[in-house]
Amino acid sequence: MGITILGLHLLNAQNKTAIKGNAMFAPLGMINIGIERQLSSKYTLQLDGFISPWKSINNNHAQVYMAHTEGRYYFKEAFKHWYIGVNAGFGLFDLTKWNYNGTDRFQRGFNIMFGGTVGYQLQWKQNWNIDFYLGGGTSQGYYHGYESISPHSFVRYDDATGWNKSGEWIPYRGGIMVSYLIN
């Protein structure tokens, strides 16, 4: 019953939808796109994905694939000015940790994220907005640590028999989204 009511509410023709792309990451060859749907006068729901397809940047692993769902509350009205949000996400990664630069070590695994976001949407032109935002929270990672022994061969450097686990409070989303509003 609740899902039916939510579905009918999302299909309401008076609610706006924004199609978005992150202008900060596009020049780096990273893709961050999303869709934000108005639920009521002050609430929206955003779904977005992030892809860093780079197998190597300066000989460091840099592949990341993330997806997030975020509920947003706008203090004035949906798609206008200041907002706060809560989010949940999932990611896959093949990365070199920041403190392993210059080594042949890297990590492969997945993470689960829960946190919040603060942002500001500015109307740029009719139907065009710019969304400045920063979000973060807890990131719980599960990974295997590897060391390259040749360009196409690697071995585990850690002693873990299963997944290594790592939990941090970190910023994990942010940028400048350019969005087009559809009525």
N, C-alpha and C. Protein backbone atom coordinates (compact mmCIF):
# COMPACT_ATOMS: atom_id res chain seq x y z
N MET A 1 0.83 -1.19 0.00
CA MET A 1 0.00 0.00 0.00
C MET A 1 0.87 1.26 0.00
N GLY A 2 1.88 1.30 0.91
CA GLY A 2 2.78 2.46 0.99
C GLY A 2 3.57 2.66 -0.29
N ILE A 3 4.02 1.56 -0.91
CA ILE A 3 4.77 1.66 -2.16
C ILE A 3 3.88 2.19 -3.28
N THR A 4 2.62 1.80 -3.30
CA THR A 4 1.67 2.29 -4.31
C THR A 4 1.46 3.78 -4.17
N ILE A 5 1.29 4.26 -2.94
CA ILE A 5 1.09 5.69 -2.70
C ILE A 5 2.34 6.46 -3.10
N LEU A 6 3.53 5.96 -2.73
CA LEU A 6 4.77 6.61 -3.13
C LEU A 6 4.90 6.64 -4.65
N GLY A 7 4.59 5.55 -5.32
CA GLY A 7 4.67 5.48 -6.77
C GLY A 7 3.75 6.48 -7.43
N LEU A 8 2.51 6.60 -6.95
CA LEU A 8 1.57 7.57 -7.50
C LEU A 8 2.04 8.99 -7.25
N HIS A 9 2.62 9.23 -6.07
CA HIS A 9 3.14 10.56 -5.74
C HIS A 9 4.30 10.94 -6.66
N LEU A 10 5.18 9.98 -6.95
CA LEU A 10 6.32 10.25 -7.82
C LEU A 10 5.87 10.54 -9.26
N LEU A 11 4.74 10.00 -9.66
CA LEU A 11 4.24 10.21 -11.02
C LEU A 11 3.43 11.50 -11.14
N ASN A 12 3.21 12.21 -10.06
CA ASN A 12 2.45 13.45 -10.07
C ASN A 12 3.08 14.42 -11.07
N ALA A 13 2.29 14.87 -12.04
CA ALA A 13 2.79 15.72 -13.12
C ALA A 13 3.24 17.09 -12.63
N GLN A 14 2.77 17.52 -11.45
CA GLN A 14 3.16 18.84 -10.95
C GLN A 14 4.55 18.83 -10.32
N ASN A 15 5.09 17.67 -10.06
CA ASN A 15 6.42 17.58 -9.47
C ASN A 15 7.48 17.68 -10.55
N LYS A 16 8.57 18.37 -10.23
CA LYS A 16 9.66 18.58 -11.18
C LYS A 16 10.69 17.46 -11.08
N THR A 17 11.45 17.30 -12.15
CA THR A 17 12.56 16.36 -12.20
C THR A 17 13.77 17.11 -12.74
N ALA A 18 14.93 16.86 -12.14
CA ALA A 18 16.18 17.48 -12.62
C ALA A 18 17.11 16.38 -13.11
N ILE A 19 17.67 16.57 -14.30
CA ILE A 19 18.70 15.70 -14.86
C ILE A 19 20.02 16.42 -14.63
N LYS A 20 21.03 15.73 -14.06
CA LYS A 20 22.24 16.41 -13.58
C LYS A 20 23.53 15.77 -14.07
N GLY A 21 24.56 16.59 -14.17
CA GLY A 21 25.91 16.13 -14.44
C GLY A 21 26.90 16.95 -13.65
N ASN A 22 27.93 16.32 -13.10
CA ASN A 22 28.91 17.01 -12.27
C ASN A 22 29.99 17.65 -13.14
N ALA A 23 30.00 18.98 -13.14
CA ALA A 23 30.94 19.75 -13.95
C ALA A 23 32.37 19.67 -13.42
N MET A 24 32.57 19.32 -12.16
CA MET A 24 33.93 19.24 -11.61
C MET A 24 34.69 18.01 -12.10
N PHE A 25 33.99 16.89 -12.27
CA PHE A 25 34.66 15.64 -12.62
C PHE A 25 34.75 15.38 -14.11
N ALA A 26 33.84 15.96 -14.89
CA ALA A 26 33.83 15.71 -16.34
C ALA A 26 35.16 16.03 -17.01
N PRO A 27 35.83 17.15 -16.70
CA PRO A 27 37.12 17.42 -17.34
C PRO A 27 38.22 16.40 -17.02
N LEU A 28 38.02 15.64 -15.94
CA LEU A 28 38.99 14.61 -15.53
C LEU A 28 38.65 13.25 -16.12
N GLY A 29 37.61 13.19 -16.96
CA GLY A 29 37.19 11.92 -17.55
C GLY A 29 36.43 11.03 -16.58
N MET A 30 35.91 11.63 -15.51
CA MET A 30 35.10 10.89 -14.54
C MET A 30 33.64 11.29 -14.76
N ILE A 31 32.75 10.33 -14.62
CA ILE A 31 31.34 10.56 -14.88
C ILE A 31 30.58 10.55 -13.57
N ASN A 32 29.80 11.60 -13.32
CA ASN A 32 28.92 11.67 -12.15
C ASN A 32 27.61 12.28 -12.63
N ILE A 33 26.60 11.43 -12.80
CA ILE A 33 25.30 11.88 -13.29
C ILE A 33 24.22 11.48 -12.30
N GLY A 34 23.10 12.20 -12.35
CA GLY A 34 22.02 11.89 -11.44
C GLY A 34 20.69 12.38 -11.92
N ILE A 35 19.67 11.99 -11.18
CA ILE A 35 18.32 12.45 -11.41
C ILE A 35 17.72 12.76 -10.04
N GLU A 36 17.10 13.93 -9.94
CA GLU A 36 16.48 14.36 -8.69
C GLU A 36 15.00 14.60 -8.96
N ARG A 37 14.15 13.97 -8.16
CA ARG A 37 12.70 14.05 -8.36
C ARG A 37 12.06 14.71 -7.15
N GLN A 38 11.21 15.68 -7.41
CA GLN A 38 10.48 16.37 -6.36
C GLN A 38 9.40 15.46 -5.79
N LEU A 39 9.36 15.36 -4.46
CA LEU A 39 8.33 14.56 -3.78
C LEU A 39 7.21 15.43 -3.22
N SER A 40 7.59 16.64 -2.77
CA SER A 40 6.62 17.60 -2.24
C SER A 40 7.23 18.98 -2.37
N SER A 41 6.63 19.97 -1.75
CA SER A 41 7.12 21.34 -1.92
C SER A 41 8.54 21.54 -1.41
N LYS A 42 8.99 20.74 -0.42
CA LYS A 42 10.33 20.91 0.14
C LYS A 42 11.20 19.66 0.11
N TYR A 43 10.66 18.53 -0.34
CA TYR A 43 11.41 17.27 -0.33
C TYR A 43 11.66 16.75 -1.74
N THR A 44 12.87 16.20 -1.93
CA THR A 44 13.23 15.56 -3.20
C THR A 44 13.94 14.24 -2.90
N LEU A 45 14.04 13.42 -3.93
CA LEU A 45 14.79 12.18 -3.87
C LEU A 45 15.77 12.17 -5.04
N GLN A 46 17.05 11.97 -4.76
CA GLN A 46 18.06 11.94 -5.82
C GLN A 46 18.70 10.56 -5.90
N LEU A 47 18.88 10.09 -7.13
CA LEU A 47 19.64 8.88 -7.42
C LEU A 47 20.81 9.31 -8.29
N ASP A 48 22.02 8.89 -7.95
CA ASP A 48 23.16 9.28 -8.79
C ASP A 48 24.22 8.20 -8.80
N GLY A 49 25.04 8.27 -9.82
CA GLY A 49 26.14 7.33 -9.98
C GLY A 49 27.43 8.05 -10.32
N PHE A 50 28.54 7.45 -9.91
CA PHE A 50 29.87 8.01 -10.16
C PHE A 50 30.76 6.92 -10.72
N ILE A 51 31.51 7.25 -11.79
CA ILE A 51 32.44 6.30 -12.39
C ILE A 51 33.78 6.98 -12.62
N SER A 52 34.82 6.42 -12.04
CA SER A 52 36.20 6.78 -12.36
C SER A 52 36.79 5.56 -13.06
N PRO A 53 36.84 5.57 -14.40
CA PRO A 53 37.22 4.36 -15.14
C PRO A 53 38.73 4.13 -15.24
N TRP A 54 39.53 4.97 -14.62
CA TRP A 54 40.98 4.93 -14.82
C TRP A 54 41.62 3.75 -14.13
N LYS A 55 42.24 2.88 -14.92
CA LYS A 55 42.98 1.76 -14.34
C LYS A 55 44.25 2.24 -13.67
N SER A 56 44.77 3.39 -14.12
CA SER A 56 45.98 3.92 -13.51
C SER A 56 46.06 5.43 -13.73
N ILE A 57 46.41 6.13 -12.66
CA ILE A 57 46.76 7.56 -12.73
C ILE A 57 48.09 7.68 -12.01
N ASN A 58 49.11 8.10 -12.73
CA ASN A 58 50.48 8.18 -12.17
C ASN A 58 50.91 6.86 -11.53
N ASN A 59 50.61 5.76 -12.21
CA ASN A 59 50.94 4.40 -11.76
C ASN A 59 50.20 3.97 -10.50
N ASN A 60 49.13 4.66 -10.16
CA ASN A 60 48.29 4.28 -9.02
C ASN A 60 46.93 3.83 -9.53
N HIS A 61 46.39 2.78 -8.94
CA HIS A 61 45.06 2.30 -9.31
C HIS A 61 44.03 3.36 -8.93
N ALA A 62 43.03 3.58 -9.81
CA ALA A 62 42.07 4.66 -9.57
C ALA A 62 40.68 4.35 -10.12
N GLN A 63 40.25 3.10 -10.06
CA GLN A 63 38.91 2.76 -10.53
C GLN A 63 37.93 2.79 -9.36
N VAL A 64 36.82 3.52 -9.56
CA VAL A 64 35.78 3.63 -8.55
C VAL A 64 34.43 3.63 -9.25
N TYR A 65 33.48 2.88 -8.71
CA TYR A 65 32.11 2.85 -9.20
C TYR A 65 31.21 2.97 -7.99
N MET A 66 30.39 4.05 -7.93
CA MET A 66 29.52 4.27 -6.77
C MET A 66 28.11 4.62 -7.22
N ALA A 67 27.14 4.26 -6.39
CA ALA A 67 25.74 4.65 -6.59
C ALA A 67 25.18 5.09 -5.25
N HIS A 68 24.39 6.17 -5.27
CA HIS A 68 23.80 6.72 -4.04
C HIS A 68 22.32 7.02 -4.23
N THR A 69 21.61 6.92 -3.13
CA THR A 69 20.24 7.41 -3.01
C THR A 69 20.26 8.46 -1.91
N GLU A 70 19.63 9.59 -2.18
CA GLU A 70 19.65 10.67 -1.18
C GLU A 70 18.29 11.34 -1.09
N GLY A 71 17.78 11.47 0.14
CA GLY A 71 16.59 12.25 0.41
C GLY A 71 17.03 13.65 0.81
N ARG A 72 16.40 14.67 0.23
CA ARG A 72 16.79 16.06 0.50
C ARG A 72 15.62 16.87 1.05
N TYR A 73 15.95 17.76 1.98
CA TYR A 73 14.98 18.73 2.51
C TYR A 73 15.49 20.13 2.19
N TYR A 74 14.69 20.88 1.44
CA TYR A 74 15.02 22.27 1.08
C TYR A 74 14.33 23.20 2.07
N PHE A 75 15.07 24.17 2.60
CA PHE A 75 14.52 25.07 3.61
C PHE A 75 13.49 26.04 3.02
N LYS A 76 13.64 26.40 1.73
CA LYS A 76 12.70 27.32 1.10
C LYS A 76 11.69 26.55 0.25
N GLU A 77 12.13 25.97 -0.84
CA GLU A 77 11.30 25.11 -1.67
C GLU A 77 12.21 24.23 -2.52
N ALA A 78 11.68 23.14 -3.01
CA ALA A 78 12.47 22.16 -3.77
C ALA A 78 13.22 22.84 -4.91
N PHE A 79 14.49 22.49 -5.05
CA PHE A 79 15.40 22.98 -6.09
C PHE A 79 15.82 24.44 -5.91
N LYS A 80 15.57 25.01 -4.73
CA LYS A 80 15.94 26.41 -4.51
C LYS A 80 16.69 26.58 -3.20
N HIS A 81 17.87 27.11 -3.29
CA HIS A 81 18.69 27.56 -2.16
C HIS A 81 19.19 26.41 -1.28
N TRP A 82 19.30 26.63 0.02
CA TRP A 82 19.94 25.69 0.93
C TRP A 82 19.12 24.43 1.15
N TYR A 83 19.83 23.30 1.29
CA TYR A 83 19.19 22.03 1.62
C TYR A 83 20.14 21.17 2.43
N ILE A 84 19.57 20.18 3.09
CA ILE A 84 20.33 19.13 3.76
C ILE A 84 19.77 17.80 3.27
N GLY A 85 20.59 16.77 3.33
CA GLY A 85 20.13 15.47 2.86
C GLY A 85 20.75 14.33 3.65
N VAL A 86 20.11 13.19 3.57
CA VAL A 86 20.66 11.95 4.12
C VAL A 86 20.80 10.97 2.96
N ASN A 87 21.90 10.20 2.97
CA ASN A 87 22.16 9.33 1.82
C ASN A 87 22.68 7.97 2.26
N ALA A 88 22.54 7.05 1.31
CA ALA A 88 23.09 5.70 1.46
C ALA A 88 23.68 5.34 0.10
N GLY A 89 24.81 4.64 0.13
CA GLY A 89 25.45 4.29 -1.14
C GLY A 89 26.23 3.00 -1.06
N PHE A 90 26.62 2.55 -2.25
CA PHE A 90 27.40 1.33 -2.42
C PHE A 90 28.48 1.61 -3.45
N GLY A 91 29.68 1.10 -3.23
CA GLY A 91 30.76 1.33 -4.18
C GLY A 91 31.62 0.09 -4.39
N LEU A 92 32.22 0.02 -5.57
CA LEU A 92 33.24 -0.97 -5.90
C LEU A 92 34.51 -0.20 -6.22
N PHE A 93 35.67 -0.73 -5.82
CA PHE A 93 36.90 0.02 -6.07
C PHE A 93 38.09 -0.88 -6.34
N ASP A 94 39.04 -0.33 -7.06
CA ASP A 94 40.38 -0.88 -7.30
C ASP A 94 41.29 0.34 -7.18
N LEU A 95 41.81 0.57 -5.97
CA LEU A 95 42.48 1.82 -5.62
C LEU A 95 43.84 1.61 -4.97
N THR A 96 44.68 2.61 -5.13
CA THR A 96 45.89 2.71 -4.33
C THR A 96 45.60 3.71 -3.23
N LYS A 97 45.78 3.31 -1.98
CA LYS A 97 45.54 4.23 -0.86
C LYS A 97 46.47 5.43 -0.98
N TRP A 98 46.02 6.57 -0.48
CA TRP A 98 46.79 7.80 -0.58
C TRP A 98 48.18 7.65 0.04
N ASN A 99 48.31 6.86 1.11
CA ASN A 99 49.61 6.72 1.76
C ASN A 99 50.46 5.59 1.16
N TYR A 100 49.96 4.93 0.08
CA TYR A 100 50.72 3.91 -0.61
C TYR A 100 51.28 4.41 -1.93
N ASN A 101 51.14 5.70 -2.23
CA ASN A 101 51.69 6.25 -3.47
C ASN A 101 53.17 5.92 -3.58
N GLY A 102 53.58 5.54 -4.78
CA GLY A 102 54.98 5.19 -5.00
C GLY A 102 55.31 3.74 -4.69
N THR A 103 54.30 2.97 -4.26
CA THR A 103 54.52 1.55 -4.02
C THR A 103 53.75 0.76 -5.07
N ASP A 104 53.89 -0.54 -5.05
CA ASP A 104 53.15 -1.40 -5.98
C ASP A 104 51.92 -2.00 -5.30
N ARG A 105 51.50 -1.44 -4.16
CA ARG A 105 50.38 -1.97 -3.42
C ARG A 105 49.06 -1.28 -3.81
N PHE A 106 47.99 -2.08 -3.83
CA PHE A 106 46.66 -1.54 -4.12
C PHE A 106 45.62 -2.42 -3.45
N GLN A 107 44.36 -1.92 -3.43
CA GLN A 107 43.28 -2.61 -2.77
C GLN A 107 42.10 -2.76 -3.73
N ARG A 108 41.44 -3.91 -3.65
CA ARG A 108 40.22 -4.15 -4.43
C ARG A 108 39.13 -4.60 -3.48
N GLY A 109 37.95 -4.02 -3.64
CA GLY A 109 36.85 -4.42 -2.77
C GLY A 109 35.60 -3.60 -3.00
N PHE A 110 34.80 -3.50 -1.94
CA PHE A 110 33.55 -2.75 -2.00
C PHE A 110 33.35 -2.02 -0.68
N ASN A 111 32.46 -1.02 -0.71
CA ASN A 111 32.15 -0.30 0.52
C ASN A 111 30.67 0.07 0.55
N ILE A 112 30.20 0.30 1.76
CA ILE A 112 28.83 0.74 2.02
C ILE A 112 28.94 2.07 2.75
N MET A 113 28.14 3.06 2.32
CA MET A 113 28.24 4.40 2.87
C MET A 113 26.89 4.89 3.39
N PHE A 114 26.90 5.57 4.53
CA PHE A 114 25.72 6.21 5.10
C PHE A 114 26.15 7.57 5.62
N GLY A 115 25.40 8.61 5.26
CA GLY A 115 25.81 9.92 5.73
C GLY A 115 24.84 11.03 5.38
N GLY A 116 25.38 12.24 5.36
CA GLY A 116 24.58 13.43 5.11
C GLY A 116 25.25 14.33 4.09
N THR A 117 24.47 15.29 3.61
CA THR A 117 24.93 16.24 2.61
C THR A 117 24.39 17.61 2.96
N VAL A 118 25.16 18.63 2.67
CA VAL A 118 24.69 20.01 2.72
C VAL A 118 24.96 20.61 1.36
N GLY A 119 24.00 21.42 0.87
CA GLY A 119 24.19 21.99 -0.45
C GLY A 119 23.36 23.24 -0.68
N TYR A 120 23.61 23.82 -1.83
CA TYR A 120 22.91 25.04 -2.23
C TYR A 120 22.65 24.97 -3.73
N GLN A 121 21.40 25.16 -4.11
CA GLN A 121 21.05 25.20 -5.53
C GLN A 121 20.76 26.64 -5.94
N LEU A 122 21.41 27.04 -7.00
CA LEU A 122 21.30 28.39 -7.54
C LEU A 122 20.69 28.31 -8.93
N GLN A 123 19.63 29.11 -9.16
CA GLN A 123 19.06 29.13 -10.51
C GLN A 123 19.99 29.95 -11.39
N TRP A 124 20.41 29.33 -12.50
CA TRP A 124 21.36 29.93 -13.43
C TRP A 124 20.60 30.60 -14.57
N LYS A 125 19.73 29.87 -15.20
CA LYS A 125 18.86 30.34 -16.27
C LYS A 125 17.52 29.64 -16.08
N GLN A 126 16.54 30.00 -16.90
CA GLN A 126 15.26 29.31 -16.79
C GLN A 126 15.48 27.81 -17.04
N ASN A 127 15.01 26.99 -16.12
CA ASN A 127 15.13 25.52 -16.13
C ASN A 127 16.55 25.02 -15.90
N TRP A 128 17.50 25.87 -15.64
CA TRP A 128 18.88 25.45 -15.38
C TRP A 128 19.29 25.86 -13.97
N ASN A 129 19.83 24.91 -13.21
CA ASN A 129 20.34 25.17 -11.86
C ASN A 129 21.79 24.71 -11.75
N ILE A 130 22.46 25.29 -10.77
CA ILE A 130 23.79 24.82 -10.38
C ILE A 130 23.69 24.40 -8.92
N ASP A 131 24.10 23.18 -8.65
CA ASP A 131 23.97 22.56 -7.33
C ASP A 131 25.36 22.36 -6.74
N PHE A 132 25.70 23.16 -5.72
CA PHE A 132 26.97 23.05 -5.01
C PHE A 132 26.71 22.18 -3.78
N TYR A 133 27.49 21.10 -3.60
CA TYR A 133 27.20 20.22 -2.47
C TYR A 133 28.45 19.50 -1.98
N LEU A 134 28.39 19.08 -0.71
CA LEU A 134 29.45 18.29 -0.09
C LEU A 134 28.78 17.34 0.88
N GLY A 135 29.17 16.07 0.79
CA GLY A 135 28.58 15.07 1.67
C GLY A 135 29.60 14.05 2.12
N GLY A 136 29.28 13.42 3.20
CA GLY A 136 30.15 12.39 3.74
C GLY A 136 29.48 11.69 4.89
N GLY A 137 30.21 10.80 5.51
CA GLY A 137 29.68 10.05 6.64
C GLY A 137 30.54 8.84 6.88
N THR A 138 29.92 7.76 7.25
CA THR A 138 30.68 6.54 7.51
C THR A 138 30.80 5.72 6.23
N SER A 139 31.99 5.25 5.97
CA SER A 139 32.26 4.38 4.84
C SER A 139 32.87 3.10 5.41
N GLN A 140 32.17 2.00 5.22
CA GLN A 140 32.63 0.71 5.71
C GLN A 140 33.14 -0.10 4.52
N GLY A 141 34.46 -0.29 4.47
CA GLY A 141 35.09 -0.96 3.33
C GLY A 141 35.49 -2.39 3.63
N TYR A 142 35.40 -3.22 2.60
CA TYR A 142 35.80 -4.63 2.65
C TYR A 142 36.68 -4.85 1.42
N TYR A 143 37.93 -5.27 1.63
CA TYR A 143 38.86 -5.33 0.51
C TYR A 143 39.94 -6.37 0.72
N HIS A 144 40.63 -6.66 -0.38
CA HIS A 144 41.84 -7.47 -0.36
C HIS A 144 42.99 -6.55 -0.75
N GLY A 145 44.12 -6.71 -0.09
CA GLY A 145 45.31 -5.93 -0.41
C GLY A 145 46.24 -6.72 -1.31
N TYR A 146 46.68 -6.09 -2.40
CA TYR A 146 47.54 -6.76 -3.37
C TYR A 146 48.82 -5.97 -3.60
N GLU A 147 49.84 -6.69 -4.08
CA GLU A 147 51.10 -6.07 -4.51
C GLU A 147 51.44 -6.60 -5.89
N SER A 148 51.71 -5.68 -6.81
CA SER A 148 52.08 -6.08 -8.18
C SER A 148 53.48 -6.67 -8.18
N ILE A 149 53.64 -7.80 -8.88
CA ILE A 149 54.97 -8.39 -9.03
C ILE A 149 55.42 -8.32 -10.48
N SER A 150 54.50 -7.99 -11.38
CA SER A 150 54.79 -7.72 -12.78
C SER A 150 53.58 -6.95 -13.32
N PRO A 151 53.64 -6.42 -14.54
CA PRO A 151 52.51 -5.63 -15.03
C PRO A 151 51.16 -6.36 -15.01
N HIS A 152 51.14 -7.68 -15.13
CA HIS A 152 49.88 -8.41 -15.17
C HIS A 152 49.75 -9.47 -14.09
N SER A 153 50.58 -9.39 -13.06
CA SER A 153 50.57 -10.39 -12.01
C SER A 153 50.69 -9.72 -10.65
N PHE A 154 49.93 -10.22 -9.68
CA PHE A 154 49.97 -9.65 -8.34
C PHE A 154 49.66 -10.74 -7.31
N VAL A 155 50.07 -10.48 -6.07
CA VAL A 155 49.83 -11.39 -4.95
C VAL A 155 49.28 -10.58 -3.78
N ARG A 156 48.59 -11.26 -2.88
CA ARG A 156 48.11 -10.56 -1.68
C ARG A 156 49.28 -10.25 -0.76
N TYR A 157 49.31 -9.03 -0.26
CA TYR A 157 50.37 -8.64 0.67
C TYR A 157 49.91 -8.76 2.13
N ASP A 158 48.63 -8.94 2.33
CA ASP A 158 48.12 -9.00 3.70
C ASP A 158 47.99 -10.45 4.17
N ASP A 159 47.79 -10.60 5.45
CA ASP A 159 47.66 -11.92 6.03
C ASP A 159 46.21 -12.33 6.26
N ALA A 160 45.27 -11.50 5.86
CA ALA A 160 43.85 -11.78 6.11
C ALA A 160 43.40 -13.01 5.33
N THR A 161 42.59 -13.84 5.96
CA THR A 161 42.07 -15.01 5.26
C THR A 161 40.78 -14.68 4.53
N GLY A 162 40.08 -13.66 4.93
CA GLY A 162 38.87 -13.20 4.25
C GLY A 162 39.07 -11.77 3.80
N TRP A 163 38.07 -10.97 4.06
CA TRP A 163 38.15 -9.56 3.70
C TRP A 163 38.84 -8.76 4.80
N ASN A 164 39.69 -7.82 4.41
CA ASN A 164 40.13 -6.79 5.33
C ASN A 164 38.95 -5.87 5.52
N LYS A 165 38.83 -5.26 6.69
CA LYS A 165 37.73 -4.34 6.96
C LYS A 165 38.30 -3.00 7.40
N SER A 166 37.67 -1.96 6.92
CA SER A 166 38.12 -0.62 7.26
C SER A 166 36.91 0.29 7.35
N GLY A 167 36.80 1.04 8.43
CA GLY A 167 35.69 1.98 8.58
C GLY A 167 36.23 3.36 8.90
N GLU A 168 35.72 4.34 8.18
CA GLU A 168 36.16 5.72 8.39
C GLU A 168 34.97 6.66 8.31
N TRP A 169 35.14 7.83 8.89
CA TRP A 169 34.24 8.96 8.68
C TRP A 169 34.96 9.86 7.69
N ILE A 170 34.44 9.95 6.47
CA ILE A 170 35.14 10.69 5.41
C ILE A 170 34.13 11.40 4.49
N PRO A 171 34.60 12.44 3.80
CA PRO A 171 33.78 12.99 2.72
C PRO A 171 33.84 12.03 1.53
N TYR A 172 32.70 11.70 0.94
CA TYR A 172 32.71 10.77 -0.19
C TYR A 172 31.84 11.23 -1.35
N ARG A 173 31.27 12.41 -1.26
CA ARG A 173 30.52 12.96 -2.40
C ARG A 173 30.60 14.48 -2.36
N GLY A 174 30.56 15.06 -3.52
CA GLY A 174 30.60 16.51 -3.59
C GLY A 174 30.86 16.97 -5.01
N GLY A 175 30.68 18.25 -5.21
CA GLY A 175 30.95 18.81 -6.52
C GLY A 175 30.03 19.94 -6.88
N ILE A 176 29.97 20.16 -8.18
CA ILE A 176 29.11 21.20 -8.76
C ILE A 176 28.31 20.54 -9.87
N MET A 177 27.05 20.25 -9.57
CA MET A 177 26.17 19.63 -10.56
C MET A 177 25.44 20.71 -11.36
N VAL A 178 25.48 20.57 -12.66
CA VAL A 178 24.67 21.42 -13.54
C VAL A 178 23.43 20.61 -13.85
N SER A 179 22.26 21.20 -13.60
CA SER A 179 21.02 20.43 -13.77
C SER A 179 20.02 21.16 -14.66
N TYR A 180 19.23 20.35 -15.35
CA TYR A 180 18.16 20.86 -16.20
C TYR A 180 16.84 20.37 -15.60
N LEU A 181 15.94 21.31 -15.29
CA LEU A 181 14.66 20.99 -14.69
C LEU A 181 13.62 20.71 -15.74
N ILE A 182 12.94 19.59 -15.58
CA ILE A 182 11.85 19.20 -16.45
C ILE A 182 10.56 19.32 -15.65
N ASN A 183 9.58 20.01 -16.18
CA ASN A 183 8.29 20.15 -15.46
C ASN A 183 7.37 19.01 -15.78
